[in-house]
Amino acid sequence: MHLALEVQVVDALEDVVSAGGCLVDYHSCDFFPERWFDLVVLQADNTVLDERLERRGYPQAKITENVECEIMMVLLQEAHDSYDNNIVVPLPSNTPLDMDSNVQRILQWVAAYKSQHGLS
């Protein structure tokens, strides 16, 4: 079931994302083509993540699943297993300052991309 959905997601995004200059936010990455990305993996301390998801009203089972994945670094490992390590950039996302820093870093990457590709 998941494979069919993943193929549909890639097919739906192919034309737009392969043209470049896109930001993609998704909970997994291993099925996306490497050619699409300079990859970023956001990470959060498991205690911070637990409290964040609880405040958002997530069911306890989903909170537990997400926290366990973060503890075991599942998404970071998935990114390292799926892509060249040079494009895997873990960014801490624990505090508002971290998040602001991440936004600024991503904006810098977007500006550099636009400059390198003659986009305004």
PDB file of N, CA and C in Angstrom:
ATOM      1  N   MET A   1       0.818  -1.196   0.000  1.00  0.00           N
ATOM      2  CA  MET A   1       0.000   0.000   0.000  1.00  0.00           C
ATOM      3  C   MET A   1       0.861   1.257   0.000  1.00  0.00           C
ATOM      4  N   HIS A   2       1.875   1.303   0.883  1.00  0.00           N
ATOM      5  CA  HIS A   2       2.720   2.495   0.962  1.00  0.00           C
ATOM      6  C   HIS A   2       3.478   2.736  -0.336  1.00  0.00           C
ATOM      7  N   LEU A   3       3.970   1.662  -0.959  1.00  0.00           N
ATOM      8  CA  LEU A   3       4.726   1.812  -2.194  1.00  0.00           C
ATOM      9  C   LEU A   3       3.895   2.484  -3.273  1.00  0.00           C
ATOM     10  N   ALA A   4       2.651   2.085  -3.421  1.00  0.00           N
ATOM     11  CA  ALA A   4       1.777   2.694  -4.426  1.00  0.00           C
ATOM     12  C   ALA A   4       1.581   4.175  -4.134  1.00  0.00           C
ATOM     13  N   LEU A   5       1.379   4.526  -2.890  1.00  0.00           N
ATOM     14  CA  LEU A   5       1.216   5.924  -2.507  1.00  0.00           C
ATOM     15  C   LEU A   5       2.495   6.710  -2.780  1.00  0.00           C
ATOM     16  N   GLU A   6       3.647   6.144  -2.441  1.00  0.00           N
ATOM     17  CA  GLU A   6       4.925   6.818  -2.673  1.00  0.00           C
ATOM     18  C   GLU A   6       5.148   7.073  -4.153  1.00  0.00           C
ATOM     19  N   VAL A   7       4.819   6.101  -5.004  1.00  0.00           N
ATOM     20  CA  VAL A   7       4.955   6.274  -6.453  1.00  0.00           C
ATOM     21  C   VAL A   7       4.034   7.395  -6.926  1.00  0.00           C
ATOM     22  N   GLN A   8       2.823   7.445  -6.390  1.00  0.00           N
ATOM     23  CA  GLN A   8       1.888   8.507  -6.764  1.00  0.00           C
ATOM     24  C   GLN A   8       2.406   9.877  -6.333  1.00  0.00           C
ATOM     25  N   VAL A   9       2.998   9.959  -5.151  1.00  0.00           N
ATOM     26  CA  VAL A   9       3.549  11.230  -4.668  1.00  0.00           C
ATOM     27  C   VAL A   9       4.673  11.694  -5.589  1.00  0.00           C
ATOM     28  N   VAL A  10       5.600  10.804  -5.910  1.00  0.00           N
ATOM     29  CA  VAL A  10       6.716  11.161  -6.794  1.00  0.00           C
ATOM     30  C   VAL A  10       6.191  11.562  -8.170  1.00  0.00           C
ATOM     31  N   ASP A  11       5.266  10.793  -8.720  1.00  0.00           N
ATOM     32  CA  ASP A  11       4.702  11.128 -10.027  1.00  0.00           C
ATOM     33  C   ASP A  11       4.035  12.500 -10.014  1.00  0.00           C
ATOM     34  N   ALA A  12       3.303  12.790  -8.955  1.00  0.00           N
ATOM     35  CA  ALA A  12       2.591  14.064  -8.870  1.00  0.00           C
ATOM     36  C   ALA A  12       3.544  15.250  -8.751  1.00  0.00           C
ATOM     37  N   LEU A  13       4.680  15.040  -8.111  1.00  0.00           N
ATOM     38  CA  LEU A  13       5.627  16.141  -7.885  1.00  0.00           C
ATOM     39  C   LEU A  13       6.726  16.239  -8.941  1.00  0.00           C
ATOM     40  N   GLU A  14       6.907  15.211  -9.742  1.00  0.00           N
ATOM     41  CA  GLU A  14       8.061  15.116 -10.648  1.00  0.00           C
ATOM     42  C   GLU A  14       8.302  16.375 -11.465  1.00  0.00           C
ATOM     43  N   ASP A  15       7.322  16.839 -12.209  1.00  0.00           N
ATOM     44  CA  ASP A  15       7.535  17.982 -13.091  1.00  0.00           C
ATOM     45  C   ASP A  15       7.905  19.249 -12.321  1.00  0.00           C
ATOM     46  N   VAL A  16       7.226  19.477 -11.222  1.00  0.00           N
ATOM     47  CA  VAL A  16       7.467  20.691 -10.447  1.00  0.00           C
ATOM     48  C   VAL A  16       8.812  20.638  -9.737  1.00  0.00           C
ATOM     49  N   VAL A  17       9.073  19.558  -9.024  1.00  0.00           N
ATOM     50  CA  VAL A  17      10.273  19.475  -8.191  1.00  0.00           C
ATOM     51  C   VAL A  17      11.528  19.272  -9.040  1.00  0.00           C
ATOM     52  N   SER A  18      11.451  18.503 -10.099  1.00  0.00           N
ATOM     53  CA  SER A  18      12.639  18.257 -10.904  1.00  0.00           C
ATOM     54  C   SER A  18      13.124  19.515 -11.610  1.00  0.00           C
ATOM     55  N   ALA A  19      12.241  20.512 -11.744  1.00  0.00           N
ATOM     56  CA  ALA A  19      12.648  21.795 -12.320  1.00  0.00           C
ATOM     57  C   ALA A  19      13.565  22.560 -11.374  1.00  0.00           C
ATOM     58  N   GLY A  20      13.546  22.203 -10.098  1.00  0.00           N
ATOM     59  CA  GLY A  20      14.438  22.823  -9.120  1.00  0.00           C
ATOM     60  C   GLY A  20      13.808  23.982  -8.383  1.00  0.00           C
ATOM     61  N   GLY A  21      14.494  24.383  -7.313  1.00  0.00           N
ATOM     62  CA  GLY A  21      14.079  25.541  -6.546  1.00  0.00           C
ATOM     63  C   GLY A  21      12.904  25.317  -5.615  1.00  0.00           C
ATOM     64  N   CYS A  22      12.622  24.072  -5.264  1.00  0.00           N
ATOM     65  CA  CYS A  22      11.464  23.765  -4.415  1.00  0.00           C
ATOM     66  C   CYS A  22      11.904  23.342  -3.014  1.00  0.00           C
ATOM     67  N   LEU A  23      11.033  23.596  -2.069  1.00  0.00           N
ATOM     68  CA  LEU A  23      11.192  23.072  -0.718  1.00  0.00           C
ATOM     69  C   LEU A  23      10.129  21.999  -0.538  1.00  0.00           C
ATOM     70  N   VAL A  24      10.543  20.843  -0.046  1.00  0.00           N
ATOM     71  CA  VAL A  24       9.606  19.751   0.169  1.00  0.00           C
ATOM     72  C   VAL A  24       9.652  19.375   1.643  1.00  0.00           C
ATOM     73  N   ASP A  25       8.511  19.376   2.288  1.00  0.00           N
ATOM     74  CA  ASP A  25       8.394  19.004   3.693  1.00  0.00           C
ATOM     75  C   ASP A  25       7.602  17.707   3.753  1.00  0.00           C
ATOM     76  N   TYR A  26       8.266  16.647   4.227  1.00  0.00           N
ATOM     77  CA  TYR A  26       7.605  15.351   4.294  1.00  0.00           C
ATOM     78  C   TYR A  26       8.226  14.563   5.434  1.00  0.00           C
ATOM     79  N   HIS A  27       7.512  13.609   5.973  1.00  0.00           N
ATOM     80  CA  HIS A  27       7.972  12.860   7.144  1.00  0.00           C
ATOM     81  C   HIS A  27       8.937  11.738   6.804  1.00  0.00           C
ATOM     82  N   SER A  28       9.218  11.532   5.551  1.00  0.00           N
ATOM     83  CA  SER A  28      10.130  10.480   5.118  1.00  0.00           C
ATOM     84  C   SER A  28      10.857  10.976   3.880  1.00  0.00           C
ATOM     85  N   CYS A  29      11.933  10.294   3.504  1.00  0.00           N
ATOM     86  CA  CYS A  29      12.655  10.788   2.338  1.00  0.00           C
ATOM     87  C   CYS A  29      13.182   9.701   1.418  1.00  0.00           C
ATOM     88  N   ASP A  30      13.220   8.475   1.854  1.00  0.00           N
ATOM     89  CA  ASP A  30      13.945   7.438   1.128  1.00  0.00           C
ATOM     90  C   ASP A  30      13.400   7.124  -0.256  1.00  0.00           C
ATOM     91  N   PHE A  31      12.190   7.530  -0.570  1.00  0.00           N
ATOM     92  CA  PHE A  31      11.635   7.223  -1.883  1.00  0.00           C
ATOM     93  C   PHE A  31      11.741   8.371  -2.868  1.00  0.00           C
ATOM     94  N   PHE A  32      12.182   9.543  -2.419  1.00  0.00           N
ATOM     95  CA  PHE A  32      12.359  10.669  -3.327  1.00  0.00           C
ATOM     96  C   PHE A  32      13.667  10.523  -4.099  1.00  0.00           C
ATOM     97  N   PRO A  33      13.683  10.888  -5.377  1.00  0.00           N
ATOM     98  CA  PRO A  33      14.926  10.809  -6.153  1.00  0.00           C
ATOM     99  C   PRO A  33      15.988  11.771  -5.596  1.00  0.00           C
ATOM    100  N   GLU A  34      17.198  11.298  -5.479  1.00  0.00           N
ATOM    101  CA  GLU A  34      18.289  12.123  -4.950  1.00  0.00           C
ATOM    102  C   GLU A  34      18.476  13.397  -5.768  1.00  0.00           C
ATOM    103  N   ARG A  35      18.249  13.325  -7.070  1.00  0.00           N
ATOM    104  CA  ARG A  35      18.481  14.481  -7.942  1.00  0.00           C
ATOM    105  C   ARG A  35      17.620  15.690  -7.572  1.00  0.00           C
ATOM    106  N   TRP A  36      16.585  15.475  -6.796  1.00  0.00           N
ATOM    107  CA  TRP A  36      15.712  16.575  -6.421  1.00  0.00           C
ATOM    108  C   TRP A  36      16.295  17.487  -5.353  1.00  0.00           C
ATOM    109  N   PHE A  37      17.241  17.020  -4.549  1.00  0.00           N
ATOM    110  CA  PHE A  37      17.505  17.701  -3.287  1.00  0.00           C
ATOM    111  C   PHE A  37      18.946  18.036  -2.966  1.00  0.00           C
ATOM    112  N   ASP A  38      19.074  19.119  -2.243  1.00  0.00           N
ATOM    113  CA  ASP A  38      20.110  19.358  -1.254  1.00  0.00           C
ATOM    114  C   ASP A  38      19.323  19.122   0.023  1.00  0.00           C
ATOM    115  N   LEU A  39      19.520  17.995   0.649  1.00  0.00           N
ATOM    116  CA  LEU A  39      18.604  17.494   1.666  1.00  0.00           C
ATOM    117  C   LEU A  39      18.861  18.109   3.034  1.00  0.00           C
ATOM    118  N   VAL A  40      17.800  18.371   3.747  1.00  0.00           N
ATOM    119  CA  VAL A  40      17.855  18.832   5.120  1.00  0.00           C
ATOM    120  C   VAL A  40      17.046  17.867   5.966  1.00  0.00           C
ATOM    121  N   VAL A  41      17.581  17.485   7.101  1.00  0.00           N
ATOM    122  CA  VAL A  41      16.852  16.643   8.035  1.00  0.00           C
ATOM    123  C   VAL A  41      16.748  17.421   9.345  1.00  0.00           C
ATOM    124  N   LEU A  42      15.541  17.799   9.725  1.00  0.00           N
ATOM    125  CA  LEU A  42      15.345  18.490  10.994  1.00  0.00           C
ATOM    126  C   LEU A  42      15.269  17.461  12.112  1.00  0.00           C
ATOM    127  N   GLN A  43      15.899  17.773  13.233  1.00  0.00           N
ATOM    128  CA  GLN A  43      15.890  16.873  14.377  1.00  0.00           C
ATOM    129  C   GLN A  43      15.434  17.637  15.614  1.00  0.00           C
ATOM    130  N   ALA A  44      14.855  16.894  16.540  1.00  0.00           N
ATOM    131  CA  ALA A  44      14.442  17.491  17.808  1.00  0.00           C
ATOM    132  C   ALA A  44      14.800  16.535  18.938  1.00  0.00           C
ATOM    133  N   ASP A  45      15.197  17.090  20.049  1.00  0.00           N
ATOM    134  CA  ASP A  45      15.416  16.302  21.253  1.00  0.00           C
ATOM    135  C   ASP A  45      14.112  15.579  21.571  1.00  0.00           C
ATOM    136  N   ASN A  46      14.215  14.329  21.998  1.00  0.00           N
ATOM    137  CA  ASN A  46      12.997  13.539  22.182  1.00  0.00           C
ATOM    138  C   ASN A  46      12.055  14.127  23.236  1.00  0.00           C
ATOM    139  N   THR A  47      12.574  14.756  24.279  1.00  0.00           N
ATOM    140  CA  THR A  47      11.708  15.376  25.288  1.00  0.00           C
ATOM    141  C   THR A  47      10.973  16.566  24.689  1.00  0.00           C
ATOM    142  N   VAL A  48      11.690  17.370  23.928  1.00  0.00           N
ATOM    143  CA  VAL A  48      11.078  18.528  23.263  1.00  0.00           C
ATOM    144  C   VAL A  48      10.011  18.057  22.290  1.00  0.00           C
ATOM    145  N   LEU A  49      10.342  17.016  21.520  1.00  0.00           N
ATOM    146  CA  LEU A  49       9.394  16.491  20.540  1.00  0.00           C
ATOM    147  C   LEU A  49       8.138  15.960  21.227  1.00  0.00           C
ATOM    148  N   ASP A  50       8.313  15.222  22.303  1.00  0.00           N
ATOM    149  CA  ASP A  50       7.176  14.673  23.048  1.00  0.00           C
ATOM    150  C   ASP A  50       6.244  15.799  23.485  1.00  0.00           C
ATOM    151  N   GLU A  51       6.800  16.832  24.100  1.00  0.00           N
ATOM    152  CA  GLU A  51       5.985  17.950  24.591  1.00  0.00           C
ATOM    153  C   GLU A  51       5.335  18.706  23.432  1.00  0.00           C
ATOM    154  N   ARG A  52       6.061  18.887  22.351  1.00  0.00           N
ATOM    155  CA  ARG A  52       5.538  19.604  21.181  1.00  0.00           C
ATOM    156  C   ARG A  52       4.330  18.871  20.594  1.00  0.00           C
ATOM    157  N   LEU A  53       4.468  17.559  20.424  1.00  0.00           N
ATOM    158  CA  LEU A  53       3.367  16.784  19.833  1.00  0.00           C
ATOM    159  C   LEU A  53       2.177  16.684  20.785  1.00  0.00           C
ATOM    160  N   GLU A  54       2.460  16.613  22.079  1.00  0.00           N
ATOM    161  CA  GLU A  54       1.381  16.585  23.071  1.00  0.00           C
ATOM    162  C   GLU A  54       0.580  17.887  23.011  1.00  0.00           C
ATOM    163  N   ARG A  55       1.280  19.035  22.934  1.00  0.00           N
ATOM    164  CA  ARG A  55       0.598  20.333  22.833  1.00  0.00           C
ATOM    165  C   ARG A  55      -0.255  20.419  21.579  1.00  0.00           C
ATOM    166  N   ARG A  56       0.170  19.745  20.522  1.00  0.00           N
ATOM    167  CA  ARG A  56      -0.583  19.760  19.258  1.00  0.00           C
ATOM    168  C   ARG A  56      -1.749  18.789  19.267  1.00  0.00           C
ATOM    169  N   GLY A  57      -1.892  18.027  20.337  1.00  0.00           N
ATOM    170  CA  GLY A  57      -3.022  17.125  20.459  1.00  0.00           C
ATOM    171  C   GLY A  57      -2.864  15.793  19.750  1.00  0.00           C
ATOM    172  N   TYR A  58      -1.632  15.390  19.461  1.00  0.00           N
ATOM    173  CA  TYR A  58      -1.412  14.087  18.823  1.00  0.00           C
ATOM    174  C   TYR A  58      -1.824  12.967  19.769  1.00  0.00           C
ATOM    175  N   PRO A  59      -2.343  11.868  19.224  1.00  0.00           N
ATOM    176  CA  PRO A  59      -2.645  10.704  20.068  1.00  0.00           C
ATOM    177  C   PRO A  59      -1.349  10.142  20.661  1.00  0.00           C
ATOM    178  N   GLN A  60      -1.436   9.550  21.851  1.00  0.00           N
ATOM    179  CA  GLN A  60      -0.243   9.046  22.538  1.00  0.00           C
ATOM    180  C   GLN A  60       0.531   8.041  21.688  1.00  0.00           C
ATOM    181  N   ALA A  61      -0.169   7.191  20.945  1.00  0.00           N
ATOM    182  CA  ALA A  61       0.518   6.195  20.112  1.00  0.00           C
ATOM    183  C   ALA A  61       1.380   6.873  19.050  1.00  0.00           C
ATOM    184  N   LYS A  62       0.884   7.954  18.468  1.00  0.00           N
ATOM    185  CA  LYS A  62       1.641   8.680  17.442  1.00  0.00           C
ATOM    186  C   LYS A  62       2.821   9.414  18.071  1.00  0.00           C
ATOM    187  N   ILE A  63       2.625   9.968  19.256  1.00  0.00           N
ATOM    188  CA  ILE A  63       3.727  10.625  19.968  1.00  0.00           C
ATOM    189  C   ILE A  63       4.828   9.616  20.242  1.00  0.00           C
ATOM    190  N   THR A  64       4.449   8.448  20.767  1.00  0.00           N
ATOM    191  CA  THR A  64       5.419   7.400  21.074  1.00  0.00           C
ATOM    192  C   THR A  64       6.177   6.981  19.826  1.00  0.00           C
ATOM    193  N   GLU A  65       5.461   6.786  18.727  1.00  0.00           N
ATOM    194  CA  GLU A  65       6.098   6.395  17.463  1.00  0.00           C
ATOM    195  C   GLU A  65       7.122   7.434  17.013  1.00  0.00           C
ATOM    196  N   ASN A  66       6.739   8.706  17.051  1.00  0.00           N
ATOM    197  CA  ASN A  66       7.631   9.778  16.623  1.00  0.00           C
ATOM    198  C   ASN A  66       8.848   9.905  17.531  1.00  0.00           C
ATOM    199  N   VAL A  67       8.629   9.822  18.832  1.00  0.00           N
ATOM    200  CA  VAL A  67       9.736   9.938  19.782  1.00  0.00           C
ATOM    201  C   VAL A  67      10.701   8.767  19.623  1.00  0.00           C
ATOM    202  N   GLU A  68      10.167   7.559  19.485  1.00  0.00           N
ATOM    203  CA  GLU A  68      11.043   6.393  19.292  1.00  0.00           C
ATOM    204  C   GLU A  68      11.858   6.532  18.010  1.00  0.00           C
ATOM    205  N   CYS A  69      11.239   7.023  16.948  1.00  0.00           N
ATOM    206  CA  CYS A  69      11.973   7.240  15.694  1.00  0.00           C
ATOM    207  C   CYS A  69      13.086   8.259  15.884  1.00  0.00           C
ATOM    208  N   GLU A  70      12.800   9.306  16.651  1.00  0.00           N
ATOM    209  CA  GLU A  70      13.820  10.330  16.888  1.00  0.00           C
ATOM    210  C   GLU A  70      14.954   9.776  17.749  1.00  0.00           C
ATOM    211  N   ILE A  71      14.620   9.025  18.789  1.00  0.00           N
ATOM    212  CA  ILE A  71      15.648   8.425  19.653  1.00  0.00           C
ATOM    213  C   ILE A  71      16.577   7.538  18.827  1.00  0.00           C
ATOM    214  N   MET A  72      15.999   6.749  17.937  1.00  0.00           N
ATOM    215  CA  MET A  72      16.797   5.817  17.134  1.00  0.00           C
ATOM    216  C   MET A  72      17.341   6.462  15.859  1.00  0.00           C
ATOM    217  N   MET A  73      17.066   7.762  15.676  1.00  0.00           N
ATOM    218  CA  MET A  73      17.538   8.528  14.514  1.00  0.00           C
ATOM    219  C   MET A  73      17.138   7.860  13.198  1.00  0.00           C
ATOM    220  N   VAL A  74      15.915   7.376  13.152  1.00  0.00           N
ATOM    221  CA  VAL A  74      15.433   6.637  11.985  1.00  0.00           C
ATOM    222  C   VAL A  74      15.488   7.480  10.717  1.00  0.00           C
ATOM    223  N   LEU A  75      14.967   8.701  10.760  1.00  0.00           N
ATOM    224  CA  LEU A  75      14.936   9.516   9.549  1.00  0.00           C
ATOM    225  C   LEU A  75      16.324   9.965   9.121  1.00  0.00           C
ATOM    226  N   LEU A  76      17.186  10.277  10.080  1.00  0.00           N
ATOM    227  CA  LEU A  76      18.554  10.643   9.724  1.00  0.00           C
ATOM    228  C   LEU A  76      19.264   9.463   9.076  1.00  0.00           C
ATOM    229  N   GLN A  77      19.102   8.269   9.644  1.00  0.00           N
ATOM    230  CA  GLN A  77      19.723   7.079   9.064  1.00  0.00           C
ATOM    231  C   GLN A  77      19.141   6.779   7.684  1.00  0.00           C
ATOM    232  N   GLU A  78      17.830   6.960   7.549  1.00  0.00           N
ATOM    233  CA  GLU A  78      17.174   6.757   6.257  1.00  0.00           C
ATOM    234  C   GLU A  78      17.770   7.699   5.214  1.00  0.00           C
ATOM    235  N   ALA A  79      17.992   8.946   5.602  1.00  0.00           N
ATOM    236  CA  ALA A  79      18.589   9.914   4.680  1.00  0.00           C
ATOM    237  C   ALA A  79      20.017   9.501   4.311  1.00  0.00           C
ATOM    238  N   HIS A  80      20.811   9.104   5.300  1.00  0.00           N
ATOM    239  CA  HIS A  80      22.187   8.662   5.024  1.00  0.00           C
ATOM    240  C   HIS A  80      22.206   7.415   4.151  1.00  0.00           C
ATOM    241  N   ASP A  81      21.264   6.514   4.353  1.00  0.00           N
ATOM    242  CA  ASP A  81      21.209   5.286   3.561  1.00  0.00           C
ATOM    243  C   ASP A  81      20.743   5.547   2.127  1.00  0.00           C
ATOM    244  N   SER A  82      19.964   6.596   1.924  1.00  0.00           N
ATOM    245  CA  SER A  82      19.330   6.833   0.634  1.00  0.00           C
ATOM    246  C   SER A  82      20.054   7.839  -0.248  1.00  0.00           C
ATOM    247  N   TYR A  83      20.869   8.702   0.353  1.00  0.00           N
ATOM    248  CA  TYR A  83      21.472   9.802  -0.393  1.00  0.00           C
ATOM    249  C   TYR A  83      22.959   9.915  -0.081  1.00  0.00           C
ATOM    250  N   ASP A  84      23.661  10.615  -0.952  1.00  0.00           N
ATOM    251  CA  ASP A  84      25.060  10.933  -0.704  1.00  0.00           C
ATOM    252  C   ASP A  84      25.135  11.720   0.608  1.00  0.00           C
ATOM    253  N   ASN A  85      26.055  11.343   1.464  1.00  0.00           N
ATOM    254  CA  ASN A  85      26.152  11.997   2.772  1.00  0.00           C
ATOM    255  C   ASN A  85      26.441  13.491   2.682  1.00  0.00           C
ATOM    256  N   ASN A  86      26.968  13.951   1.553  1.00  0.00           N
ATOM    257  CA  ASN A  86      27.242  15.379   1.395  1.00  0.00           C
ATOM    258  C   ASN A  86      25.978  16.227   1.310  1.00  0.00           C
ATOM    259  N   ILE A  87      24.834  15.598   1.020  1.00  0.00           N
ATOM    260  CA  ILE A  87      23.603  16.393   0.936  1.00  0.00           C
ATOM    261  C   ILE A  87      22.685  16.165   2.128  1.00  0.00           C
ATOM    262  N   VAL A  88      23.149  15.420   3.112  1.00  0.00           N
ATOM    263  CA  VAL A  88      22.370  15.208   4.337  1.00  0.00           C
ATOM    264  C   VAL A  88      22.878  16.197   5.381  1.00  0.00           C
ATOM    265  N   VAL A  89      22.012  17.121   5.770  1.00  0.00           N
ATOM    266  CA  VAL A  89      22.398  18.184   6.696  1.00  0.00           C
ATOM    267  C   VAL A  89      21.453  18.184   7.882  1.00  0.00           C
ATOM    268  N   PRO A  90      21.840  17.525   8.989  1.00  0.00           N
ATOM    269  CA  PRO A  90      20.956  17.541  10.159  1.00  0.00           C
ATOM    270  C   PRO A  90      20.930  18.936  10.799  1.00  0.00           C
ATOM    271  N   LEU A  91      19.749  19.409  11.084  1.00  0.00           N
ATOM    272  CA  LEU A  91      19.583  20.703  11.735  1.00  0.00           C
ATOM    273  C   LEU A  91      18.760  20.516  13.008  1.00  0.00           C
ATOM    274  N   PRO A  92      19.298  20.930  14.163  1.00  0.00           N
ATOM    275  CA  PRO A  92      18.511  20.815  15.395  1.00  0.00           C
ATOM    276  C   PRO A  92      17.307  21.753  15.347  1.00  0.00           C
ATOM    277  N   SER A  93      16.196  21.278  15.863  1.00  0.00           N
ATOM    278  CA  SER A  93      14.964  22.055  15.838  1.00  0.00           C
ATOM    279  C   SER A  93      14.284  21.979  17.204  1.00  0.00           C
ATOM    280  N   ASN A  94      15.029  22.358  18.237  1.00  0.00           N
ATOM    281  CA  ASN A  94      14.538  22.224  19.601  1.00  0.00           C
ATOM    282  C   ASN A  94      13.916  23.496  20.154  1.00  0.00           C
ATOM    283  N   THR A  95      14.459  24.618  19.790  1.00  0.00           N
ATOM    284  CA  THR A  95      14.037  25.888  20.378  1.00  0.00           C
ATOM    285  C   THR A  95      13.595  26.848  19.281  1.00  0.00           C
ATOM    286  N   PRO A  96      12.882  27.901  19.647  1.00  0.00           N
ATOM    287  CA  PRO A  96      12.560  28.925  18.642  1.00  0.00           C
ATOM    288  C   PRO A  96      13.823  29.505  17.997  1.00  0.00           C
ATOM    289  N   LEU A  97      14.908  29.634  18.761  1.00  0.00           N
ATOM    290  CA  LEU A  97      16.160  30.127  18.192  1.00  0.00           C
ATOM    291  C   LEU A  97      16.703  29.149  17.143  1.00  0.00           C
ATOM    292  N   ASP A  98      16.638  27.846  17.424  1.00  0.00           N
ATOM    293  CA  ASP A  98      17.036  26.830  16.441  1.00  0.00           C
ATOM    294  C   ASP A  98      16.205  26.970  15.172  1.00  0.00           C
ATOM    295  N   MET A  99      14.903  27.094  15.360  1.00  0.00           N
ATOM    296  CA  MET A  99      14.010  27.176  14.209  1.00  0.00           C
ATOM    297  C   MET A  99      14.284  28.422  13.386  1.00  0.00           C
ATOM    298  N   ASP A 100      14.499  29.552  14.051  1.00  0.00           N
ATOM    299  CA  ASP A 100      14.845  30.789  13.337  1.00  0.00           C
ATOM    300  C   ASP A 100      16.148  30.616  12.571  1.00  0.00           C
ATOM    301  N   SER A 101      17.124  29.985  13.201  1.00  0.00           N
ATOM    302  CA  SER A 101      18.407  29.735  12.551  1.00  0.00           C
ATOM    303  C   SER A 101      18.227  28.830  11.336  1.00  0.00           C
ATOM    304  N   ASN A 102      17.395  27.798  11.468  1.00  0.00           N
ATOM    305  CA  ASN A 102      17.133  26.892  10.351  1.00  0.00           C
ATOM    306  C   ASN A 102      16.464  27.624   9.193  1.00  0.00           C
ATOM    307  N   VAL A 103      15.499  28.475   9.514  1.00  0.00           N
ATOM    308  CA  VAL A 103      14.819  29.247   8.470  1.00  0.00           C
ATOM    309  C   VAL A 103      15.836  30.133   7.749  1.00  0.00           C
ATOM    310  N   GLN A 104      16.700  30.794   8.511  1.00  0.00           N
ATOM    311  CA  GLN A 104      17.707  31.662   7.891  1.00  0.00           C
ATOM    312  C   GLN A 104      18.665  30.859   7.011  1.00  0.00           C
ATOM    313  N   ARG A 105      19.069  29.700   7.477  1.00  0.00           N
ATOM    314  CA  ARG A 105      19.971  28.849   6.691  1.00  0.00           C
ATOM    315  C   ARG A 105      19.296  28.386   5.402  1.00  0.00           C
ATOM    316  N   ILE A 106      18.042  27.987   5.494  1.00  0.00           N
ATOM    317  CA  ILE A 106      17.317  27.550   4.305  1.00  0.00           C
ATOM    318  C   ILE A 106      17.113  28.713   3.344  1.00  0.00           C
ATOM    319  N   LEU A 107      16.813  29.899   3.872  1.00  0.00           N
ATOM    320  CA  LEU A 107      16.686  31.079   3.007  1.00  0.00           C
ATOM    321  C   LEU A 107      18.003  31.384   2.299  1.00  0.00           C
ATOM    322  N   GLN A 108      19.128  31.200   2.988  1.00  0.00           N
ATOM    323  CA  GLN A 108      20.439  31.391   2.356  1.00  0.00           C
ATOM    324  C   GLN A 108      20.652  30.380   1.239  1.00  0.00           C
ATOM    325  N   TRP A 109      20.254  29.123   1.482  1.00  0.00           N
ATOM    326  CA  TRP A 109      20.369  28.101   0.440  1.00  0.00           C
ATOM    327  C   TRP A 109      19.503  28.458  -0.763  1.00  0.00           C
ATOM    328  N   VAL A 110      18.289  28.943  -0.510  1.00  0.00           N
ATOM    329  CA  VAL A 110      17.395  29.328  -1.598  1.00  0.00           C
ATOM    330  C   VAL A 110      18.013  30.483  -2.390  1.00  0.00           C
ATOM    331  N   ALA A 111      18.553  31.482  -1.692  1.00  0.00           N
ATOM    332  CA  ALA A 111      19.180  32.625  -2.371  1.00  0.00           C
ATOM    333  C   ALA A 111      20.377  32.162  -3.207  1.00  0.00           C
ATOM    334  N   ALA A 112      21.188  31.262  -2.661  1.00  0.00           N
ATOM    335  CA  ALA A 112      22.343  30.743  -3.405  1.00  0.00           C
ATOM    336  C   ALA A 112      21.877  29.967  -4.634  1.00  0.00           C
ATOM    337  N   TYR A 113      20.833  29.163  -4.470  1.00  0.00           N
ATOM    338  CA  TYR A 113      20.293  28.398  -5.600  1.00  0.00           C
ATOM    339  C   TYR A 113      19.834  29.360  -6.699  1.00  0.00           C
ATOM    340  N   LYS A 114      19.079  30.378  -6.311  1.00  0.00           N
ATOM    341  CA  LYS A 114      18.568  31.329  -7.296  1.00  0.00           C
ATOM    342  C   LYS A 114      19.715  32.036  -8.005  1.00  0.00           C
ATOM    343  N   SER A 115      20.726  32.421  -7.244  1.00  0.00           N
ATOM    344  CA  SER A 115      21.882  33.101  -7.840  1.00  0.00           C
ATOM    345  C   SER A 115      22.610  32.191  -8.827  1.00  0.00           C
ATOM    346  N   GLN A 116      22.812  30.941  -8.438  1.00  0.00           N
ATOM    347  CA  GLN A 116      23.521  29.978  -9.303  1.00  0.00           C
ATOM    348  C   GLN A 116      22.744  29.636 -10.555  1.00  0.00           C
ATOM    349  N   HIS A 117      21.433  29.798 -10.515  1.00  0.00           N
ATOM    350  CA  HIS A 117      20.589  29.408 -11.645  1.00  0.00           C
ATOM    351  C   HIS A 117      19.963  30.606 -12.362  1.00  0.00           C
ATOM    352  N   GLY A 118      20.459  31.804 -12.072  1.00  0.00           N
ATOM    353  CA  GLY A 118      19.991  33.002 -12.757  1.00  0.00           C
ATOM    354  C   GLY A 118      18.535  33.329 -12.543  1.00  0.00           C
ATOM    355  N   LEU A 119      18.048  32.998 -11.346  1.00  0.00           N
ATOM    356  CA  LEU A 119      16.643  33.284 -11.016  1.00  0.00           C
ATOM    357  C   LEU A 119      16.581  34.518 -10.130  1.00  0.00           C
ATOM    358  N   SER A 120      15.493  35.247 -10.223  1.00  0.00           N
ATOM    359  CA  SER A 120      15.382  36.448  -9.384  1.00  0.00           C
ATOM    360  C   SER A 120      14.658  36.164  -8.103  1.00  0.00           C
TER     361      SER A 120
END
